[in-house]
Protein backbone atom coordinates (compact mmCIF):
# COMPACT_ATOMS: atom_id res chain seq x y z
CA MET A 1 -43.34 -26.24 31.56
CA SER A 2 -45.17 -27.48 34.38
CA LEU A 3 -43.69 -30.73 35.75
CA LYS A 4 -45.93 -33.68 36.48
CA LYS A 5 -45.94 -34.41 40.37
CA VAL A 6 -45.46 -37.92 41.19
CA ARG A 7 -46.97 -39.38 44.15
CA VAL A 8 -44.04 -40.98 45.91
CA ASN A 9 -44.93 -44.14 47.75
CA SER A 10 -42.97 -46.66 47.14
CA LEU A 11 -39.31 -47.34 45.91
CA ALA A 12 -40.56 -47.65 42.51
CA ASP A 13 -42.04 -44.28 42.09
CA ILE A 14 -38.96 -42.80 43.05
CA LYS A 15 -36.85 -44.93 40.69
CA SER A 16 -39.54 -43.69 37.58
CA ILE A 17 -38.16 -39.86 38.20
CA SER A 18 -35.92 -39.08 35.24
CA ILE A 19 -34.04 -36.38 33.35
CA LEU A 20 -36.18 -34.39 30.81
CA GLN A 21 -34.91 -34.02 27.14
CA PRO A 22 -32.98 -32.16 25.63
CA VAL A 23 -29.61 -32.47 26.93
CA SER A 24 -27.05 -30.69 25.38
CA VAL A 25 -23.43 -30.82 25.48
CA VAL A 26 -20.68 -28.15 24.55
CA ALA A 27 -17.51 -29.75 24.47
CA LEU A 28 -13.83 -27.85 23.81
CA SER A 29 -10.64 -29.43 24.44
CA GLU A 30 -10.51 -29.16 28.33
CA LEU A 31 -13.84 -27.73 29.29
CA ALA A 32 -17.66 -29.03 28.74
CA ILE A 33 -20.42 -27.20 29.36
CA ILE A 34 -23.73 -29.62 30.08
CA GLU A 35 -27.17 -28.48 30.30
CA TRP A 36 -30.44 -30.19 30.73
CA ASN A 37 -34.48 -29.93 30.88
CA GLY A 38 -34.57 -30.67 34.74
CA ALA A 39 -36.50 -33.85 35.60
CA ASN A 40 -40.45 -35.16 35.29
CA SER A 41 -41.31 -34.49 39.15
CA ASP A 42 -40.98 -31.38 41.41
CA LEU A 43 -40.17 -33.60 44.03
CA VAL A 44 -36.28 -33.78 42.95
CA GLU A 45 -34.40 -32.33 45.86
CA HIS A 46 -30.62 -32.07 43.81
CA TYR A 47 -28.55 -33.76 40.83
CA GLU A 48 -26.22 -36.16 41.42
CA LEU A 49 -23.33 -36.01 38.98
CA GLU A 50 -20.68 -39.03 37.74
CA LEU A 51 -17.87 -39.02 35.62
CA TYR A 52 -15.61 -41.11 33.97
CA PRO A 53 -12.74 -41.18 33.76
CA GLU A 54 -12.28 -39.40 36.72
CA HIS A 55 -9.85 -36.46 35.40
CA GLY A 56 -11.93 -33.72 35.21
CA SER A 57 -13.45 -31.23 37.81
CA ILE A 58 -17.43 -30.71 37.98
CA GLU A 59 -18.21 -27.60 39.13
CA TYR A 60 -21.89 -28.02 40.30
CA SER A 61 -23.84 -26.13 43.03
CA LYS A 62 -25.40 -29.55 44.27
CA ARG A 63 -28.64 -27.87 44.20
CA LEU A 64 -31.61 -27.92 41.61
CA GLU A 65 -29.28 -26.23 39.27
CA THR A 66 -29.69 -28.11 35.66
CA ARG A 67 -26.14 -27.02 34.48
CA CYS A 68 -22.40 -27.99 35.29
CA ILE A 69 -19.08 -27.20 33.68
CA ILE A 70 -16.60 -29.55 33.41
CA SER A 71 -12.73 -28.12 33.46
CA ASN A 72 -9.51 -29.70 33.48
CA LEU A 73 -10.60 -32.53 30.95
CA GLU A 74 -8.08 -34.26 28.62
CA PRO A 75 -8.31 -32.97 24.46
CA GLY A 76 -9.36 -36.20 22.31
CA THR A 77 -11.00 -38.48 24.81
CA VAL A 78 -14.50 -39.76 24.83
CA TYR A 79 -16.72 -38.95 28.72
CA SER A 80 -19.33 -40.36 29.92
CA LEU A 81 -21.30 -38.39 32.49
CA THR A 82 -24.08 -39.92 34.45
CA ILE A 83 -27.04 -37.47 36.15
CA THR A 84 -28.95 -38.71 38.89
CA PRO A 85 -32.41 -36.87 40.01
CA ILE A 86 -32.25 -37.76 44.20
CA VAL A 87 -35.73 -37.73 45.97
CA HIS A 88 -35.59 -38.16 49.65
CA GLY A 89 -32.55 -39.27 49.44
CA GLU A 90 -33.36 -42.42 47.10
CA SER A 91 -32.03 -42.01 43.57
CA GLY A 92 -34.08 -41.48 40.40
CA ARG A 93 -33.48 -42.78 36.92
CA PRO A 94 -30.11 -42.23 36.10
CA LYS A 95 -28.91 -40.26 32.27
CA LEU A 96 -25.95 -41.57 30.68
CA VAL A 97 -24.71 -38.48 28.56
CA ILE A 98 -21.26 -39.37 26.40
CA PHE A 99 -19.42 -36.71 24.93
CA THR A 100 -15.59 -36.80 23.34
CA THR A 101 -13.77 -33.51 23.55
CA GLU A 102 -11.81 -31.61 20.84
CA PRO A 103 -8.27 -32.72 20.20
CA LYS A 104 -5.78 -29.68 21.31
CA ARG A 105 -6.00 -27.16 18.76
CA VAL A 106 -2.47 -26.15 17.06
CA THR A 107 -0.68 -23.18 17.97
CA ASN A 108 1.70 -20.45 16.79
CA LEU A 109 0.49 -21.13 13.09
CA GLU A 110 2.82 -19.77 10.40
CA VAL A 111 2.84 -19.65 6.58
CA ASP A 112 5.60 -18.22 4.39
CA ILE A 113 6.95 -18.86 0.95
CA ASP A 114 10.07 -19.92 -0.61
CA VAL A 115 11.44 -19.07 -4.32
CA ASP A 116 14.79 -20.17 -5.62
CA CYS A 117 15.78 -17.22 -7.43
CA THR A 118 19.02 -19.03 -8.65
CA THR A 119 16.99 -21.28 -10.92
CA GLU A 120 15.20 -20.42 -14.54
CA ILE A 121 11.97 -22.14 -13.66
CA TYR A 122 9.63 -20.36 -10.92
CA SER A 123 8.29 -23.22 -8.52
CA PRO A 124 7.32 -21.45 -5.25
CA LEU A 125 7.60 -24.17 -2.20
CA LEU A 126 4.80 -22.81 0.53
CA ASN A 127 5.59 -23.83 3.71
CA VAL A 128 3.20 -24.58 6.75
CA GLN A 129 4.45 -24.82 10.27
CA TRP A 130 2.99 -24.70 13.79
CA ASP A 131 3.93 -26.02 17.05
CA GLU A 132 1.53 -29.16 18.51
CA ALA A 133 1.27 -30.84 22.02
CA ILE A 134 1.56 -34.50 21.77
CA ILE A 135 -1.12 -36.38 24.24
CA ASP A 136 -3.38 -37.84 22.17
CA ASP A 137 -3.93 -39.72 18.73
CA SER A 138 -5.48 -37.24 17.03
CA ARG A 139 -4.12 -36.22 13.41
CA VAL A 140 -3.60 -32.98 11.77
CA ASN A 141 -5.42 -32.01 8.77
CA ILE A 142 -4.16 -29.04 6.26
CA LYS A 143 -7.03 -27.63 4.05
CA PHE A 144 -6.42 -25.33 0.93
CA ALA A 145 -8.96 -22.72 -0.64
CA PRO A 146 -9.03 -22.74 -3.63
CA ALA A 147 -7.45 -26.03 -3.53
CA GLY A 148 -4.23 -27.18 -5.77
CA PRO A 149 -1.28 -27.07 -3.73
CA LYS A 150 0.42 -30.76 -2.94
CA GLU A 151 2.09 -32.42 -0.67
CA SER A 152 6.22 -32.34 -1.36
CA ASP A 153 7.33 -34.03 1.66
CA GLU A 154 6.59 -35.89 4.94
CA LEU A 155 5.93 -34.35 8.25
CA ILE A 156 8.99 -33.05 9.59
CA ASP A 157 9.45 -33.00 13.13
CA ASN A 158 11.91 -30.16 13.93
CA GLY A 159 11.84 -31.84 17.83
CA LYS A 160 10.88 -31.03 21.36
CA ASN A 161 9.87 -27.15 22.07
CA ASP A 162 10.56 -26.62 25.77
CA SER A 163 8.31 -24.08 27.09
CA GLY A 164 8.62 -24.39 30.58
CA ASN A 165 5.08 -26.28 30.90
CA SER A 166 4.08 -29.73 31.96
CA GLU A 167 3.11 -30.50 28.13
CA SER A 168 5.43 -31.32 25.46
CA THR A 169 5.15 -29.51 22.17
CA PHE A 170 6.72 -30.19 19.23
CA HIS A 171 7.39 -27.73 16.21
CA ARG A 172 6.51 -29.54 12.85
CA ARG A 173 6.24 -28.65 9.14
CA LYS A 174 4.93 -29.25 6.18
CA SER A 175 5.76 -28.23 2.54
CA PHE A 176 3.63 -27.68 -0.45
CA THR A 177 4.28 -27.52 -4.42
CA MET A 178 1.65 -26.46 -7.34
CA VAL A 179 0.82 -23.34 -5.99
CA THR A 180 -0.32 -20.59 -8.26
CA PRO A 181 1.71 -17.76 -8.77
CA GLY A 182 0.19 -14.45 -8.01
CA ALA A 183 -2.86 -16.75 -6.04
CA GLU A 184 -4.40 -15.89 -2.72
CA TYR A 185 -4.59 -19.28 -0.33
CA GLU A 186 -6.29 -19.46 2.77
CA ILE A 187 -4.53 -22.48 4.53
CA SER A 188 -6.17 -23.97 7.50
CA VAL A 189 -5.08 -26.41 10.20
CA ASN A 190 -6.77 -28.15 12.78
CA LYS A 191 -6.67 -31.62 14.05
CA TRP A 192 -8.82 -35.04 14.13
CA SER A 193 -9.64 -37.02 17.06
CA ILE A 194 -10.36 -41.25 16.61
CA LYS A 195 -13.59 -40.42 16.82
CA ASN A 196 -13.56 -38.03 13.97
CA ILE A 197 -14.29 -35.04 16.32
CA GLU A 198 -12.09 -32.10 14.89
CA SER A 199 -10.60 -29.17 17.14
CA ARG A 200 -10.91 -25.49 15.98
CA ALA A 201 -9.16 -24.33 13.36
CA GLU A 202 -5.96 -22.10 13.12
CA VAL A 203 -6.42 -19.95 9.99
CA LYS A 204 -3.67 -18.60 7.93
CA LYS A 205 -3.99 -16.31 4.35
CA ILE A 206 -0.76 -15.69 2.12
CA ILE A 207 -0.85 -14.45 -1.21
CA VAL A 208 2.03 -16.18 -3.28
CA PRO A 209 4.14 -13.71 -5.39
CA PRO A 210 3.52 -13.56 -8.86
CA ILE A 211 6.15 -14.06 -11.77
CA GLU A 212 8.11 -11.04 -12.70
CA PRO A 213 7.72 -9.62 -16.18
CA LYS A 214 10.52 -11.10 -19.11
CA ASP A 215 12.70 -9.96 -22.15
CA LEU A 216 12.71 -6.25 -21.08
CA GLU A 217 14.09 -4.60 -23.99
CA ILE A 218 15.18 -0.37 -23.73
CA LYS A 219 15.56 2.05 -26.31
CA VAL A 220 17.32 5.44 -25.39
CA LEU A 221 14.96 8.09 -27.42
CA SER A 222 16.26 11.13 -26.47
CA SER A 223 18.26 12.99 -23.27
CA THR A 224 15.01 12.78 -21.63
CA GLU A 225 13.18 10.09 -23.08
CA VAL A 226 13.90 5.90 -22.76
CA GLY A 227 11.54 3.27 -24.13
CA LEU A 228 10.54 0.13 -22.77
CA LYS A 229 9.28 -2.92 -23.70
CA PHE A 230 8.33 -6.27 -22.15
CA ALA A 231 6.70 -9.35 -21.82
CA PRO A 232 4.20 -10.04 -18.95
CA PRO A 233 4.59 -13.36 -17.01
CA GLN A 234 2.65 -16.45 -19.30
CA HIS A 235 1.75 -18.18 -16.05
CA GLY A 236 -0.37 -17.55 -12.88
CA GLU A 237 -1.86 -14.01 -11.59
CA PHE A 238 -1.17 -10.45 -11.70
CA ASP A 239 -3.03 -7.23 -11.61
CA TYR A 240 -0.32 -4.40 -12.84
CA PHE A 241 3.04 -3.52 -13.42
CA VAL A 242 5.33 -1.46 -11.09
CA ILE A 243 8.19 0.45 -12.79
CA SER A 244 10.83 1.84 -10.80
CA PHE A 245 14.19 3.40 -12.40
CA SER A 246 16.97 4.97 -10.16
CA SER A 247 19.67 6.95 -10.60
CA ALA A 248 22.27 9.10 -8.40
CA TYR A 249 19.37 11.68 -8.51
CA GLY A 250 17.07 9.51 -6.49
CA HIS A 251 14.42 6.69 -7.00
CA VAL A 252 11.05 6.80 -8.89
CA SER A 253 8.24 4.14 -8.91
CA PHE A 254 4.73 4.15 -10.45
CA GLU A 255 2.06 1.56 -11.66
CA TYR A 256 1.68 0.71 -15.24
CA PRO A 257 -2.15 -0.61 -15.56
CA ILE A 258 -2.94 -4.11 -17.51
CA GLU A 259 -4.13 -2.41 -20.94
CA SER A 260 -7.91 -3.29 -20.87
CA ASP A 261 -8.38 -3.98 -24.75
CA HIS A 262 -5.20 -5.94 -24.71
CA PRO A 263 -5.29 -8.07 -21.48
CA ASN A 264 -3.48 -10.88 -23.25
CA ALA A 265 -1.01 -8.98 -24.95
CA ALA A 266 2.53 -10.61 -26.04
CA PHE A 267 4.47 -7.26 -24.91
CA TYR A 268 3.51 -4.13 -22.95
CA HIS A 269 5.07 -0.92 -24.41
CA LYS A 270 5.98 2.15 -22.18
CA ILE A 271 8.00 5.45 -22.75
CA LEU A 272 9.70 6.75 -19.34
CA GLN A 273 9.73 10.69 -19.97
CA GLN A 274 11.05 13.47 -17.57
CA LEU A 275 14.55 11.93 -17.18
CA ARG A 276 17.96 13.79 -16.49
CA PRO A 277 20.24 13.76 -19.40
CA GLY A 278 23.60 11.89 -19.83
CA SER A 279 22.56 9.94 -16.53
CA HIS A 280 22.92 6.52 -15.56
CA TYR A 281 19.50 4.33 -14.71
CA LYS A 282 18.89 1.48 -13.76
CA ILE A 283 15.00 0.63 -14.40
CA MET A 284 13.47 -2.50 -12.71
CA ILE A 285 9.39 -4.06 -13.67
CA TYR A 286 7.98 -5.57 -10.90
CA THR A 287 4.40 -7.61 -11.47
CA VAL A 288 2.02 -7.25 -8.40
CA SER A 289 -0.56 -9.38 -7.57
CA LYS A 290 -3.34 -8.38 -4.82
CA GLY A 291 -0.71 -6.00 -3.47
CA VAL A 292 2.31 -8.34 -3.57
CA LYS A 293 5.33 -7.69 -5.56
CA SER A 294 7.44 -10.47 -7.56
CA VAL A 295 10.13 -11.62 -5.95
CA SER A 296 12.81 -10.38 -7.93
CA PRO A 297 12.25 -7.66 -11.02
CA VAL A 298 13.69 -7.66 -14.81
CA THR A 299 16.39 -5.35 -14.63
CA ARG A 300 18.13 -3.76 -17.22
CA TYR A 301 20.74 -0.89 -17.39
CA CYS A 302 20.95 2.50 -19.68
CA THR A 303 21.96 6.23 -20.05
CA THR A 304 20.46 8.88 -21.47
CA LEU A 305 21.38 11.21 -23.93
CA GLU A 306 23.43 14.47 -23.53
CA PRO A 307 21.16 17.93 -23.04
CA ASP A 308 19.03 17.78 -26.31
CA VAL A 309 16.69 20.43 -27.92
CA ARG A 310 14.50 20.20 -24.71
CA ILE A 311 16.92 22.81 -22.88
CA ILE A 312 17.53 25.09 -26.12
CA PRO A 313 14.94 27.97 -26.54
CA THR A 314 12.60 26.96 -29.09
CA ALA A 315 10.86 30.55 -28.27
CA LEU A 316 11.66 34.26 -27.42
CA VAL A 317 9.42 35.21 -24.37
CA LEU A 318 9.17 39.04 -24.02
CA THR A 319 7.65 40.74 -21.09
CA GLY A 320 7.13 44.48 -20.32
CA ASP A 321 4.86 46.90 -18.80
CA LYS A 322 1.12 45.03 -19.17
CA LYS A 323 2.13 42.91 -21.95
CA VAL A 324 3.81 39.76 -22.76
CA CYS A 325 4.80 38.64 -26.28
CA ALA A 326 5.99 34.97 -27.13
CA LEU A 327 8.26 34.52 -30.79
CA ASP A 328 8.53 31.05 -32.51
CA LEU A 329 12.35 30.99 -32.83
CA SER A 330 12.08 28.32 -35.48
CA LEU A 331 10.41 30.67 -38.25
CA ASP A 332 13.06 32.19 -40.63
CA ASP A 333 11.10 35.66 -40.39
CA TYR A 334 10.95 37.06 -36.58
CA ALA A 335 8.67 39.63 -37.34
CA CYS A 336 5.96 40.29 -34.28
CA ASP A 337 3.38 39.38 -37.18
CA ASN A 338 4.71 35.74 -36.26
CA SER A 339 4.10 35.86 -32.66
CA TYR A 340 2.33 32.87 -31.44
CA LEU A 341 0.94 34.97 -28.57
CA SER A 342 0.49 38.97 -27.91
CA HIS A 343 -1.59 38.74 -24.68
CA GLN A 344 -2.26 42.16 -22.70
CA THR A 345 -2.22 41.75 -18.60
CA LYS A 346 -2.97 44.46 -16.23
CA GLY A 347 0.38 44.68 -14.81
CA SER A 348 4.40 43.82 -15.06
CA VAL A 349 4.83 40.29 -15.48
CA SER A 350 6.91 36.96 -15.52
CA ALA A 351 6.57 34.78 -17.80
CA VAL A 352 8.40 31.52 -18.90
CA PHE A 353 8.06 29.20 -21.88
CA HIS A 354 7.46 25.95 -21.27
CA GLU A 355 7.02 22.50 -22.99
CA ILE A 356 4.72 19.23 -22.25
CA TRP A 357 4.97 16.22 -24.18
CA ASP A 358 1.97 14.50 -25.43
CA PRO A 359 2.17 10.66 -25.52
CA ASN A 360 -1.40 10.19 -26.50
CA ARG A 361 -0.74 12.56 -29.62
CA GLY A 362 2.73 12.53 -30.28
CA ILE A 363 3.14 16.04 -30.06
CA VAL A 364 4.68 18.99 -27.79
CA HIS A 365 2.48 21.09 -26.53
CA LYS A 366 4.05 24.76 -26.49
CA TYR A 367 2.86 27.52 -23.29
CA ILE A 368 3.33 30.33 -22.08
CA ILE A 369 3.16 30.82 -18.11
CA HIS A 370 3.05 34.20 -16.85
CA VAL A 371 2.42 35.89 -13.49
CA ASP A 372 -0.76 38.38 -13.49
CA PRO A 373 -0.17 40.36 -10.15
CA LYS A 374 -3.32 42.60 -10.58
CA GLU A 375 -5.34 39.49 -10.46
CA LYS A 376 -3.06 37.49 -8.20
CA ASN A 377 -2.72 34.54 -9.90
CA ILE A 378 -0.47 32.22 -12.44
CA LYS A 379 -2.03 31.69 -16.23
CA ILE A 380 -0.89 29.58 -18.88
CA THR A 381 -1.69 30.09 -22.87
CA PRO A 382 -1.07 27.54 -25.59
CA LEU A 383 0.99 28.82 -28.15
CA ASN A 384 -1.21 27.18 -30.67
CA PRO A 385 -4.73 28.19 -30.41
CA ALA A 386 -5.94 25.20 -31.47
CA TYR A 387 -5.06 23.90 -27.91
CA GLY A 388 -7.23 26.23 -26.24
CA ARG A 389 -7.29 29.64 -24.69
CA THR A 390 -5.65 31.27 -21.64
CA LYS A 391 -6.80 29.74 -18.41
CA ILE A 392 -5.63 30.32 -14.67
CA VAL A 393 -3.52 27.40 -13.74
CA ILE A 394 -2.80 28.58 -9.99
CA ASP A 395 -5.01 31.22 -8.16
CA GLY A 396 -5.65 32.43 -4.34
CA LEU A 397 -2.09 34.25 -4.38
CA ASP A 398 -1.31 37.74 -2.76
CA MET A 399 1.51 39.23 -4.41
CA PRO A 400 2.92 37.08 -6.67
CA LEU A 401 6.20 38.16 -8.97
CA GLY A 402 8.85 35.45 -9.65
CA LEU A 403 8.55 32.50 -11.60
CA ALA A 404 10.18 29.08 -13.14
CA VAL A 405 9.21 25.97 -14.51
CA ASP A 406 11.04 22.82 -14.11
CA PRO A 407 11.10 21.20 -17.54
CA TYR A 408 11.60 17.51 -16.26
CA SER A 409 9.28 17.19 -13.29
CA ASN A 410 6.41 19.67 -14.88
CA ASN A 411 6.50 21.36 -11.78
CA VAL A 412 5.71 25.39 -11.29
CA TYR A 413 7.52 27.65 -8.90
CA TRP A 414 6.69 31.05 -8.07
CA THR A 415 7.30 33.44 -5.26
CA ASP A 416 5.29 35.82 -3.15
CA GLN A 417 5.97 39.08 -2.20
CA GLY A 418 2.77 39.14 0.44
CA THR A 419 3.33 35.86 2.51
CA PHE A 420 7.38 35.74 2.25
CA SER A 421 7.07 32.73 0.47
CA ILE A 422 7.82 30.46 -2.23
CA GLY A 423 5.07 28.02 -3.95
CA VAL A 424 4.92 24.97 -6.33
CA ALA A 425 2.32 22.80 -7.83
CA SER A 426 2.20 20.19 -10.25
CA LEU A 427 1.44 22.09 -13.95
CA GLU A 428 -0.12 18.67 -15.35
CA ALA A 429 -2.45 18.53 -12.05
CA ALA A 430 -3.15 22.00 -12.71
CA LEU A 431 -3.79 21.68 -16.41
CA LYS A 432 -6.57 19.03 -15.26
CA GLY A 433 -8.26 21.43 -12.36
CA GLN A 434 -6.79 18.82 -9.55
CA ILE A 435 -5.00 21.34 -7.77
CA LYS A 436 -6.71 21.55 -4.49
CA SER A 437 -4.23 23.70 -2.49
CA ASN A 438 -0.90 25.37 -3.43
CA LYS A 439 2.36 23.63 -1.40
CA ARG A 440 4.05 26.53 0.56
CA LEU A 441 8.04 25.07 -0.06
CA TYR A 442 9.49 27.95 1.64
CA THR A 443 9.08 30.78 3.67
CA SER A 444 11.72 33.59 4.46
CA LYS A 445 13.21 33.17 8.25
CA TYR A 446 14.30 36.61 7.50
CA LEU A 447 11.41 38.18 7.12
CA GLY A 448 13.39 38.89 3.57
CA VAL A 449 10.87 39.22 0.59
CA PRO A 450 11.67 36.47 -2.20
CA ARG A 451 11.21 38.21 -5.65
CA TYR A 452 12.52 36.01 -8.66
CA ILE A 453 13.21 32.55 -9.04
CA ALA A 454 14.84 30.18 -11.27
CA VAL A 455 15.34 26.43 -11.61
CA ASP A 456 18.56 24.40 -12.39
CA PRO A 457 16.95 21.16 -13.97
CA ILE A 458 20.42 19.93 -14.71
CA ARG A 459 21.62 19.73 -10.76
CA ARG A 460 18.07 19.84 -9.48
CA ALA A 461 18.48 23.65 -7.41
CA LEU A 462 16.63 26.30 -6.77
CA TYR A 463 17.69 29.81 -6.47
CA TRP A 464 16.14 32.77 -5.67
CA SER A 465 16.38 36.82 -4.63
CA GLU A 466 15.47 37.55 -1.73
CA ARG A 467 14.96 41.39 -0.50
CA GLN A 468 15.12 42.83 3.18
CA ASP A 469 15.76 46.41 3.67
CA ASP A 470 19.09 47.71 1.34
CA TRP A 471 20.09 43.55 1.81
CA GLU A 472 19.97 41.55 -1.80
CA ARG A 473 20.46 37.83 -1.32
CA ILE A 474 20.58 34.92 -3.56
CA HIS A 475 19.58 31.59 -2.09
CA LYS A 476 19.80 28.18 -3.21
CA SER A 477 18.50 25.15 -1.97
CA ASP A 478 17.63 21.28 -3.41
CA ILE A 479 14.42 21.11 -5.75
CA LEU A 480 12.20 20.36 -2.38
CA GLY A 481 13.15 23.59 -1.03
CA LYS A 482 15.82 21.54 1.35
CA SER A 483 19.64 22.26 1.95
CA GLN A 484 19.25 25.65 2.10
CA ASP A 485 22.36 28.18 1.78
CA ILE A 486 22.78 31.64 1.10
CA ILE A 487 25.33 31.90 -1.72
CA TRP A 488 25.62 35.81 -2.66
CA HIS A 489 24.75 38.83 -0.48
CA GLU A 490 25.02 42.36 -1.80
CA PHE A 491 23.52 46.06 -1.56
CA GLY A 492 21.17 47.16 -4.17
CA THR A 493 18.48 45.51 -6.41
CA LEU A 494 19.23 42.35 -8.19
CA ASP A 495 17.12 40.35 -10.89
CA ILE A 496 18.13 36.60 -11.27
CA GLY A 497 18.06 35.55 -14.88
CA SER A 498 17.99 32.38 -16.29
CA ILE A 499 20.00 29.21 -15.26
CA SER A 500 21.13 26.33 -17.42
CA VAL A 501 24.62 25.27 -15.92
CA GLU A 502 26.07 28.64 -14.99
CA LEU A 503 24.16 30.49 -12.55
CA ARG A 504 23.79 34.53 -13.95
CA TRP A 505 22.29 37.50 -12.72
CA ALA A 506 21.89 41.27 -13.54
CA PHE A 507 21.70 44.02 -11.62
CA ASN A 508 18.85 46.58 -11.40
CA PHE A 509 18.96 49.78 -9.26
CA ASP A 510 15.71 51.02 -10.65
CA SER A 511 12.47 50.90 -8.74
CA LEU A 512 11.00 47.83 -7.61
CA PRO A 513 8.01 46.50 -10.14
């Protein structure tokens, strides 16, 4: 912008020199930045600045700079700044700038939820607390998004907070009711001065815990299955349920989504499967909203039945050189013509019978799982041809031999003589084609060759034989391959048989398969 030259012939000419618009002001609680657009004359030598009230420090170079910073101001205070152009030592027309500093913002904002679990009515209390410097007449403003919570009491002053500063700060708190269970709130707290100037807000978010489910009923169906029936909360928001059950053997939790076709169902039903026979369980169900669980679950206790038909053989599996055959033991005639499966392989095999419950169809699928050492994989075949053909479930092995399945976790275990290791995979995931890589559960530290393996589903233990030179050992570990121990060793070649409650093994001094 070109400035108009003012010919200075008299004092009146100097008095006509003024500050050009616009003048911008950025005022914080203790700092202000003032900028102006120069004057209407290029004869200005500098500008004089005068602040009122005078408590404040002006940072200005006293040249032709058109910007100044004022620090050490009082929060929530009205100030005036006079800007005067100076020409030949005389004052031009002064410009008066009035601004108000922000109130001092609150600090240490905290938000929490109080829930009284001793009452039947769920009425959470939302507490907002902060530190505040008491140096002005401003008031505190608390906003909720979404709106809804109501103040339950007056402002509580918890007394002076001695922080070592010259200013006195106080810890304050307000409580609010009428909050929606499961809802997420954004709480902003700021201060308003007497001139309706507000400070920058402190913001916190919080999710109110949802209400827990109601009326949990439990029915023991078998030694491994328990049926659940429960009612969802009738008030507030929730996204899904978490069902948790624990026993002396461990703790398991899983998510149970809201049924899309029955979002407002009066009751939900769920069958817990693969439990321990004859075990005592604590069952808890939480509701979850936006990742936050209900404060307390609905809880019941139950005891599963003693071992049932699941651990009683329902099929006879015969393995031999290049062949595996399965017979249905529930039939009166055990002739080979009644066999479910007569499957040719390309080498000696290990095979096991396994059942998987299909809750969608309400039936039990029966399978034969076997090792194919020639193709170096593990295959599964439904005993009922209507449910599919033989398929590969575990591939990429080196020299697989032993095979075992845990009937309660549906995990399949195998030994690999080529890698001196034991592997594990989820059979259900393998059937769905979701196995990306096999997990190696154990690698022999003795450089022995793991051969045959078995699972004790009741004690949650693994047993396997391992051969090194002329020594044969039987190892034991927990179901995760930890807490390993050698429980037996001897010369010769041994072959672990089936394991139920007792461990049995047989000697075989013939050549290795």
